[in-house]
N, C-alpha and C. Protein backbone atom coordinates (compact mmCIF):
# COMPACT_ATOMS: atom_id res chain seq x y z
N UNK A 1 -225.86 113.47 234.95
CA UNK A 1 -225.70 112.95 236.29
C UNK A 1 -225.30 114.05 237.25
N UNK A 2 -225.07 115.24 236.77
CA UNK A 2 -224.68 116.34 237.63
C UNK A 2 -225.78 116.66 238.65
N UNK A 3 -227.03 116.30 238.36
CA UNK A 3 -228.13 116.53 239.29
C UNK A 3 -228.15 115.49 240.40
N UNK A 4 -227.40 114.41 240.25
CA UNK A 4 -227.37 113.33 241.23
C UNK A 4 -226.11 113.46 242.06
N UNK A 5 -226.24 113.83 243.35
CA UNK A 5 -225.04 114.04 244.16
C UNK A 5 -224.22 112.79 244.38
N UNK A 6 -224.88 111.65 244.55
CA UNK A 6 -224.18 110.41 244.80
C UNK A 6 -224.46 109.41 243.68
N UNK A 7 -223.42 109.03 242.94
CA UNK A 7 -223.64 108.02 241.89
C UNK A 7 -224.02 106.68 242.49
N UNK A 8 -224.64 105.83 241.69
CA UNK A 8 -224.96 104.47 242.11
C UNK A 8 -223.70 103.65 242.35
N UNK A 9 -222.67 103.94 241.55
CA UNK A 9 -221.47 103.11 241.56
C UNK A 9 -220.29 103.95 241.09
N UNK A 10 -219.15 103.74 241.72
CA UNK A 10 -217.89 104.40 241.32
C UNK A 10 -216.82 103.33 241.20
N UNK A 11 -216.06 103.40 240.12
CA UNK A 11 -214.99 102.43 239.91
C UNK A 11 -213.71 103.14 239.49
N UNK A 12 -212.67 103.10 240.33
CA UNK A 12 -211.38 103.69 239.94
C UNK A 12 -210.69 102.83 238.89
N UNK A 13 -209.96 103.49 238.00
CA UNK A 13 -209.19 102.80 236.96
C UNK A 13 -207.81 103.43 236.89
N UNK A 14 -206.79 102.59 236.97
CA UNK A 14 -205.42 103.05 236.71
C UNK A 14 -205.14 102.80 235.23
N UNK A 15 -204.78 103.84 234.52
CA UNK A 15 -204.54 103.71 233.09
C UNK A 15 -203.36 102.80 232.81
N UNK A 16 -203.43 102.14 231.67
CA UNK A 16 -202.34 101.28 231.22
C UNK A 16 -201.67 101.93 230.02
N UNK A 17 -200.40 101.68 229.86
CA UNK A 17 -199.66 102.24 228.72
C UNK A 17 -200.33 101.88 227.41
N UNK A 18 -200.85 100.67 227.32
CA UNK A 18 -201.47 100.21 226.08
C UNK A 18 -202.79 100.93 225.77
N UNK A 19 -203.32 101.69 226.72
CA UNK A 19 -204.55 102.45 226.48
C UNK A 19 -204.32 103.67 225.59
N UNK A 20 -203.06 104.05 225.39
CA UNK A 20 -202.73 105.28 224.67
C UNK A 20 -202.80 105.11 223.16
N UNK A 21 -203.00 106.23 222.49
CA UNK A 21 -202.95 106.24 221.03
C UNK A 21 -201.73 107.03 220.57
N UNK A 22 -201.64 107.31 219.29
CA UNK A 22 -200.48 107.99 218.71
C UNK A 22 -200.32 109.42 219.23
N UNK A 23 -201.37 109.98 219.81
CA UNK A 23 -201.32 111.34 220.35
C UNK A 23 -200.94 111.35 221.83
N UNK A 24 -200.63 110.17 222.37
CA UNK A 24 -200.17 110.01 223.75
C UNK A 24 -201.26 110.33 224.78
N UNK A 25 -202.50 110.08 224.41
CA UNK A 25 -203.58 110.13 225.39
C UNK A 25 -204.47 108.91 225.16
N UNK A 26 -205.39 108.67 226.07
CA UNK A 26 -206.21 107.46 226.02
C UNK A 26 -207.05 107.48 224.74
N UNK A 27 -206.97 106.37 224.00
CA UNK A 27 -207.75 106.23 222.78
C UNK A 27 -209.23 106.21 223.10
N UNK A 28 -210.03 106.86 222.26
CA UNK A 28 -211.46 106.99 222.53
C UNK A 28 -212.16 105.63 222.69
N UNK A 29 -211.70 104.59 222.02
CA UNK A 29 -212.34 103.28 222.15
C UNK A 29 -212.19 102.73 223.57
N UNK A 30 -211.13 103.10 224.26
CA UNK A 30 -210.94 102.62 225.63
C UNK A 30 -211.94 103.23 226.60
N UNK A 31 -212.47 104.41 226.29
CA UNK A 31 -213.50 105.00 227.13
C UNK A 31 -214.67 104.01 227.24
N UNK A 32 -215.05 103.42 226.10
CA UNK A 32 -216.17 102.46 226.09
C UNK A 32 -215.84 101.22 226.91
N UNK A 33 -214.59 100.77 226.83
CA UNK A 33 -214.17 99.61 227.61
C UNK A 33 -214.25 99.90 229.10
N UNK A 34 -213.84 101.10 229.50
CA UNK A 34 -213.94 101.48 230.92
C UNK A 34 -215.39 101.45 231.38
N UNK A 35 -216.29 101.97 230.56
CA UNK A 35 -217.71 101.98 230.92
C UNK A 35 -218.28 100.57 231.01
N UNK A 36 -217.91 99.73 230.06
CA UNK A 36 -218.38 98.35 230.08
C UNK A 36 -217.94 97.65 231.36
N UNK A 37 -216.68 97.82 231.71
CA UNK A 37 -216.15 97.20 232.93
C UNK A 37 -216.91 97.70 234.17
N UNK A 38 -217.18 99.00 234.23
CA UNK A 38 -217.91 99.56 235.37
C UNK A 38 -219.33 98.99 235.45
N UNK A 39 -220.00 98.88 234.30
CA UNK A 39 -221.36 98.32 234.32
C UNK A 39 -221.34 96.88 234.82
N UNK A 40 -220.44 96.05 234.31
CA UNK A 40 -220.37 94.65 234.71
C UNK A 40 -220.07 94.54 236.20
N UNK A 41 -219.13 95.35 236.68
CA UNK A 41 -218.81 95.30 238.12
C UNK A 41 -219.99 95.76 238.97
N UNK A 42 -220.72 96.77 238.49
CA UNK A 42 -221.90 97.21 239.24
C UNK A 42 -222.94 96.09 239.29
N UNK A 43 -223.24 95.50 238.13
CA UNK A 43 -224.20 94.40 238.11
C UNK A 43 -223.76 93.28 239.04
N UNK A 44 -222.47 92.90 238.97
CA UNK A 44 -221.96 91.83 239.85
C UNK A 44 -222.06 92.20 241.32
N UNK A 45 -221.92 93.50 241.64
CA UNK A 45 -221.97 93.93 243.05
C UNK A 45 -223.36 93.81 243.65
N UNK A 46 -224.37 93.60 242.83
CA UNK A 46 -225.74 93.51 243.33
C UNK A 46 -225.96 92.26 244.17
N UNK A 47 -225.13 91.24 243.94
CA UNK A 47 -225.23 90.03 244.74
C UNK A 47 -226.40 89.14 244.37
N UNK A 48 -227.05 89.44 243.25
CA UNK A 48 -228.17 88.63 242.76
C UNK A 48 -228.04 88.47 241.26
N UNK A 49 -228.81 87.53 240.70
CA UNK A 49 -228.73 87.29 239.27
C UNK A 49 -229.21 88.50 238.47
N UNK A 50 -228.38 88.91 237.53
CA UNK A 50 -228.76 89.96 236.58
C UNK A 50 -228.69 89.42 235.16
N UNK A 51 -228.07 88.27 235.01
CA UNK A 51 -228.02 87.54 233.74
C UNK A 51 -228.22 86.07 234.08
N UNK A 52 -229.02 85.39 233.28
CA UNK A 52 -229.32 83.98 233.55
C UNK A 52 -229.22 83.18 232.25
N UNK A 53 -229.52 81.90 232.34
CA UNK A 53 -229.54 81.07 231.14
C UNK A 53 -230.65 81.48 230.19
N UNK A 54 -231.68 82.15 230.72
CA UNK A 54 -232.83 82.51 229.87
C UNK A 54 -232.91 84.00 229.53
N UNK A 55 -232.27 84.87 230.33
CA UNK A 55 -232.32 86.31 230.05
C UNK A 55 -230.94 86.93 230.11
N UNK A 56 -230.78 88.02 229.37
CA UNK A 56 -229.49 88.71 229.34
C UNK A 56 -229.70 90.16 228.90
N UNK A 57 -228.81 91.05 229.33
CA UNK A 57 -228.91 92.44 228.88
C UNK A 57 -228.19 92.63 227.55
N UNK A 58 -228.73 93.52 226.74
CA UNK A 58 -228.10 93.95 225.51
C UNK A 58 -227.90 95.46 225.56
N UNK A 59 -226.82 95.91 224.99
CA UNK A 59 -226.58 97.34 224.87
C UNK A 59 -227.38 97.84 223.68
N UNK A 60 -228.39 98.66 223.92
CA UNK A 60 -229.27 99.13 222.85
C UNK A 60 -228.84 100.48 222.29
N UNK A 61 -228.21 101.32 223.12
CA UNK A 61 -227.80 102.65 222.65
C UNK A 61 -226.67 103.16 223.54
N UNK A 62 -225.79 103.94 222.92
CA UNK A 62 -224.69 104.57 223.64
C UNK A 62 -224.60 106.02 223.20
N UNK A 63 -224.45 106.91 224.15
CA UNK A 63 -224.21 108.31 223.85
C UNK A 63 -223.00 108.72 224.68
N UNK A 64 -221.97 109.24 224.00
CA UNK A 64 -220.71 109.60 224.67
C UNK A 64 -220.30 111.00 224.24
N UNK A 65 -220.06 111.84 225.22
CA UNK A 65 -219.49 113.16 224.99
C UNK A 65 -218.05 113.14 225.46
N UNK A 66 -217.12 113.29 224.53
CA UNK A 66 -215.70 113.35 224.88
C UNK A 66 -215.39 114.80 225.21
N UNK A 67 -215.10 115.09 226.47
CA UNK A 67 -214.91 116.47 226.92
C UNK A 67 -213.46 116.94 226.78
N UNK A 68 -212.52 116.17 227.34
CA UNK A 68 -211.09 116.49 227.22
C UNK A 68 -210.33 115.16 227.17
N UNK A 69 -209.18 115.14 226.50
CA UNK A 69 -208.39 113.92 226.45
C UNK A 69 -207.89 113.51 227.83
N UNK A 70 -207.75 112.21 228.03
CA UNK A 70 -207.18 111.69 229.28
C UNK A 70 -205.68 111.50 229.04
N UNK A 71 -204.84 112.22 229.77
CA UNK A 71 -203.39 112.08 229.58
C UNK A 71 -202.87 110.85 230.33
N UNK A 72 -201.65 110.51 230.04
CA UNK A 72 -200.98 109.42 230.76
C UNK A 72 -199.78 110.01 231.46
N UNK A 73 -199.48 109.64 232.67
CA UNK A 73 -200.24 108.72 233.53
C UNK A 73 -201.39 109.45 234.21
N UNK A 74 -202.39 108.70 234.57
CA UNK A 74 -203.53 109.27 235.29
C UNK A 74 -204.32 108.13 235.93
N UNK A 75 -205.03 108.47 236.97
CA UNK A 75 -206.02 107.58 237.56
C UNK A 75 -207.36 108.25 237.37
N UNK A 76 -208.33 107.50 236.88
CA UNK A 76 -209.65 108.06 236.64
C UNK A 76 -210.68 107.26 237.42
N UNK A 77 -211.89 107.78 237.46
CA UNK A 77 -213.01 107.11 238.13
C UNK A 77 -214.19 107.12 237.16
N UNK A 78 -214.82 105.97 237.01
CA UNK A 78 -216.06 105.88 236.25
C UNK A 78 -217.21 105.93 237.25
N UNK A 79 -218.15 106.82 237.01
CA UNK A 79 -219.33 106.94 237.86
C UNK A 79 -220.57 106.58 237.05
N UNK A 80 -221.43 105.77 237.64
CA UNK A 80 -222.68 105.37 237.00
C UNK A 80 -223.86 105.89 237.81
N UNK A 81 -224.90 106.30 237.11
CA UNK A 81 -226.14 106.72 237.75
C UNK A 81 -227.31 106.19 236.95
N UNK A 82 -228.50 106.33 237.48
CA UNK A 82 -229.70 105.89 236.77
C UNK A 82 -230.47 107.10 236.27
N UNK A 83 -230.66 107.19 234.97
CA UNK A 83 -231.46 108.26 234.37
C UNK A 83 -232.92 107.86 234.23
N UNK A 84 -233.14 106.57 233.92
CA UNK A 84 -234.50 106.12 233.65
C UNK A 84 -234.62 104.62 233.85
N UNK A 85 -235.72 104.21 234.47
CA UNK A 85 -236.07 102.79 234.59
C UNK A 85 -237.30 102.53 233.75
N UNK A 86 -237.21 101.56 232.87
CA UNK A 86 -238.35 101.15 232.07
C UNK A 86 -238.81 99.77 232.51
N UNK A 87 -239.70 99.20 231.75
CA UNK A 87 -240.19 97.87 232.05
C UNK A 87 -239.12 96.81 231.81
N UNK A 88 -238.42 96.96 230.68
CA UNK A 88 -237.38 95.98 230.32
C UNK A 88 -236.01 96.63 230.13
N UNK A 89 -235.91 97.92 230.42
CA UNK A 89 -234.65 98.63 230.16
C UNK A 89 -234.28 99.56 231.31
N UNK A 90 -233.01 99.89 231.33
CA UNK A 90 -232.50 100.89 232.26
C UNK A 90 -231.56 101.79 231.47
N UNK A 91 -231.68 103.09 231.68
CA UNK A 91 -230.76 104.05 231.09
C UNK A 91 -229.81 104.48 232.18
N UNK A 92 -228.53 104.15 231.98
CA UNK A 92 -227.49 104.47 232.95
C UNK A 92 -226.67 105.65 232.45
N UNK A 93 -226.60 106.69 233.27
CA UNK A 93 -225.70 107.80 232.96
C UNK A 93 -224.29 107.38 233.35
N UNK A 94 -223.32 108.00 232.69
CA UNK A 94 -221.93 107.71 233.03
C UNK A 94 -221.08 108.96 232.92
N UNK A 95 -220.05 108.97 233.76
CA UNK A 95 -219.05 110.03 233.73
C UNK A 95 -217.69 109.39 233.95
N UNK A 96 -216.71 109.88 233.26
CA UNK A 96 -215.32 109.52 233.52
C UNK A 96 -214.64 110.79 233.99
N UNK A 97 -214.13 110.76 235.23
CA UNK A 97 -213.57 111.95 235.86
C UNK A 97 -212.21 111.63 236.48
N UNK A 98 -211.49 112.67 236.87
CA UNK A 98 -210.27 112.49 237.63
C UNK A 98 -210.61 111.98 239.03
N UNK A 99 -209.59 111.55 239.75
CA UNK A 99 -209.81 110.96 241.08
C UNK A 99 -210.58 111.87 242.03
N UNK A 100 -210.38 113.17 241.92
CA UNK A 100 -211.06 114.11 242.82
C UNK A 100 -212.35 114.67 242.20
N UNK A 101 -212.79 114.08 241.10
CA UNK A 101 -214.03 114.53 240.45
C UNK A 101 -213.81 115.48 239.30
N UNK A 102 -212.60 115.97 239.13
CA UNK A 102 -212.28 116.85 238.00
C UNK A 102 -210.94 116.42 237.42
N UNK A 103 -210.71 116.64 236.18
CA UNK A 103 -211.68 117.19 235.22
C UNK A 103 -212.71 116.14 234.80
N UNK A 104 -213.71 116.60 234.09
CA UNK A 104 -214.69 115.72 233.46
C UNK A 104 -214.12 115.35 232.09
N UNK A 105 -213.74 114.10 231.94
CA UNK A 105 -213.17 113.63 230.67
C UNK A 105 -214.26 113.26 229.67
N UNK A 106 -215.35 112.64 230.17
CA UNK A 106 -216.43 112.21 229.28
C UNK A 106 -217.69 111.99 230.09
N UNK A 107 -218.82 112.12 229.40
CA UNK A 107 -220.10 111.81 230.03
C UNK A 107 -221.09 111.38 228.95
N UNK A 108 -222.23 110.90 229.40
CA UNK A 108 -223.26 110.44 228.47
C UNK A 108 -224.14 109.41 229.15
N UNK A 109 -224.66 108.48 228.34
CA UNK A 109 -225.51 107.43 228.89
C UNK A 109 -225.56 106.22 227.96
N UNK A 110 -226.02 105.11 228.51
CA UNK A 110 -226.28 103.90 227.74
C UNK A 110 -227.68 103.40 228.10
N UNK A 111 -228.28 102.70 227.14
CA UNK A 111 -229.56 102.04 227.38
C UNK A 111 -229.30 100.54 227.31
N UNK A 112 -229.63 99.86 228.41
CA UNK A 112 -229.51 98.41 228.49
C UNK A 112 -230.92 97.82 228.47
N UNK A 113 -231.15 96.85 227.58
CA UNK A 113 -232.45 96.18 227.48
C UNK A 113 -232.26 94.71 227.79
N UNK A 114 -233.09 94.18 228.69
CA UNK A 114 -233.03 92.75 229.00
C UNK A 114 -233.91 92.01 228.02
N UNK A 115 -233.37 90.90 227.50
CA UNK A 115 -234.11 90.12 226.51
C UNK A 115 -234.19 88.66 226.94
N UNK A 116 -235.19 87.99 226.40
CA UNK A 116 -235.31 86.54 226.51
C UNK A 116 -234.36 85.97 225.46
N UNK A 117 -233.42 85.14 225.88
CA UNK A 117 -232.41 84.61 224.97
C UNK A 117 -233.01 83.78 223.83
N UNK A 118 -234.07 83.05 224.10
CA UNK A 118 -234.66 82.17 223.08
C UNK A 118 -235.40 82.97 222.00
N UNK A 119 -236.18 83.95 222.43
CA UNK A 119 -237.01 84.69 221.47
C UNK A 119 -236.37 85.98 220.98
N UNK A 120 -235.42 86.51 221.77
CA UNK A 120 -234.83 87.80 221.42
C UNK A 120 -235.74 88.97 221.76
N UNK A 121 -236.84 88.71 222.42
CA UNK A 121 -237.82 89.75 222.78
C UNK A 121 -237.50 90.32 224.16
N UNK A 122 -237.87 91.57 224.40
CA UNK A 122 -237.65 92.18 225.72
C UNK A 122 -238.35 91.39 226.82
N UNK A 123 -237.72 91.40 227.99
CA UNK A 123 -238.25 90.73 229.17
C UNK A 123 -238.10 91.70 230.35
N UNK A 124 -238.88 91.57 231.39
CA UNK A 124 -238.79 92.51 232.51
C UNK A 124 -237.38 92.58 233.11
N UNK A 125 -237.04 93.77 233.58
CA UNK A 125 -235.77 93.97 234.28
C UNK A 125 -235.67 93.02 235.46
N UNK A 126 -234.48 92.49 235.72
CA UNK A 126 -234.32 91.69 236.94
C UNK A 126 -234.62 92.57 238.17
N UNK A 127 -235.24 91.97 239.17
CA UNK A 127 -235.61 92.70 240.38
C UNK A 127 -234.40 93.36 241.02
N UNK A 128 -233.26 92.67 241.03
CA UNK A 128 -232.05 93.23 241.66
C UNK A 128 -231.62 94.52 240.97
N UNK A 129 -231.69 94.56 239.66
CA UNK A 129 -231.31 95.77 238.91
C UNK A 129 -232.31 96.89 239.21
N UNK A 130 -233.58 96.56 239.21
CA UNK A 130 -234.61 97.58 239.46
C UNK A 130 -234.43 98.19 240.86
N UNK A 131 -234.22 97.34 241.86
CA UNK A 131 -234.03 97.85 243.23
C UNK A 131 -232.77 98.71 243.34
N UNK A 132 -231.67 98.20 242.78
CA UNK A 132 -230.38 98.91 242.89
C UNK A 132 -230.40 100.25 242.17
N UNK A 133 -231.18 100.33 241.10
CA UNK A 133 -231.26 101.56 240.31
C UNK A 133 -232.25 102.55 240.89
N UNK A 134 -232.90 102.16 241.97
CA UNK A 134 -233.80 103.09 242.65
C UNK A 134 -235.26 102.89 242.36
N UNK A 135 -235.61 101.76 241.77
CA UNK A 135 -237.01 101.54 241.41
C UNK A 135 -237.77 100.68 242.36
């Protein structure tokens, strides 16, 4: 996402004491929770249906690079961008950074695939997601 000057979405997060592990920094599993929350909030911010009774997104792949531990206390920002738009999928880049953009705590991407709930087969991306992601 370093090639993209403006992310699609930014979400600040104030760390919670319970996010810490025995080493007194944010447990790696919480990084995924932060990303999930950012994706859901981004989808909800579109103001249109992105999940329905007949279609829903599934997380098909996750790639995470843990760059440096997140200490406590800290405020971080999750940034989302679009790496790729497919017919039924979107690849969202992600970064977890400090409030001013540094340090870079983690980066990577996820692949979200929309499926038909009844058949489990891929279905076209919702129009709102495609437009918001730049397609």
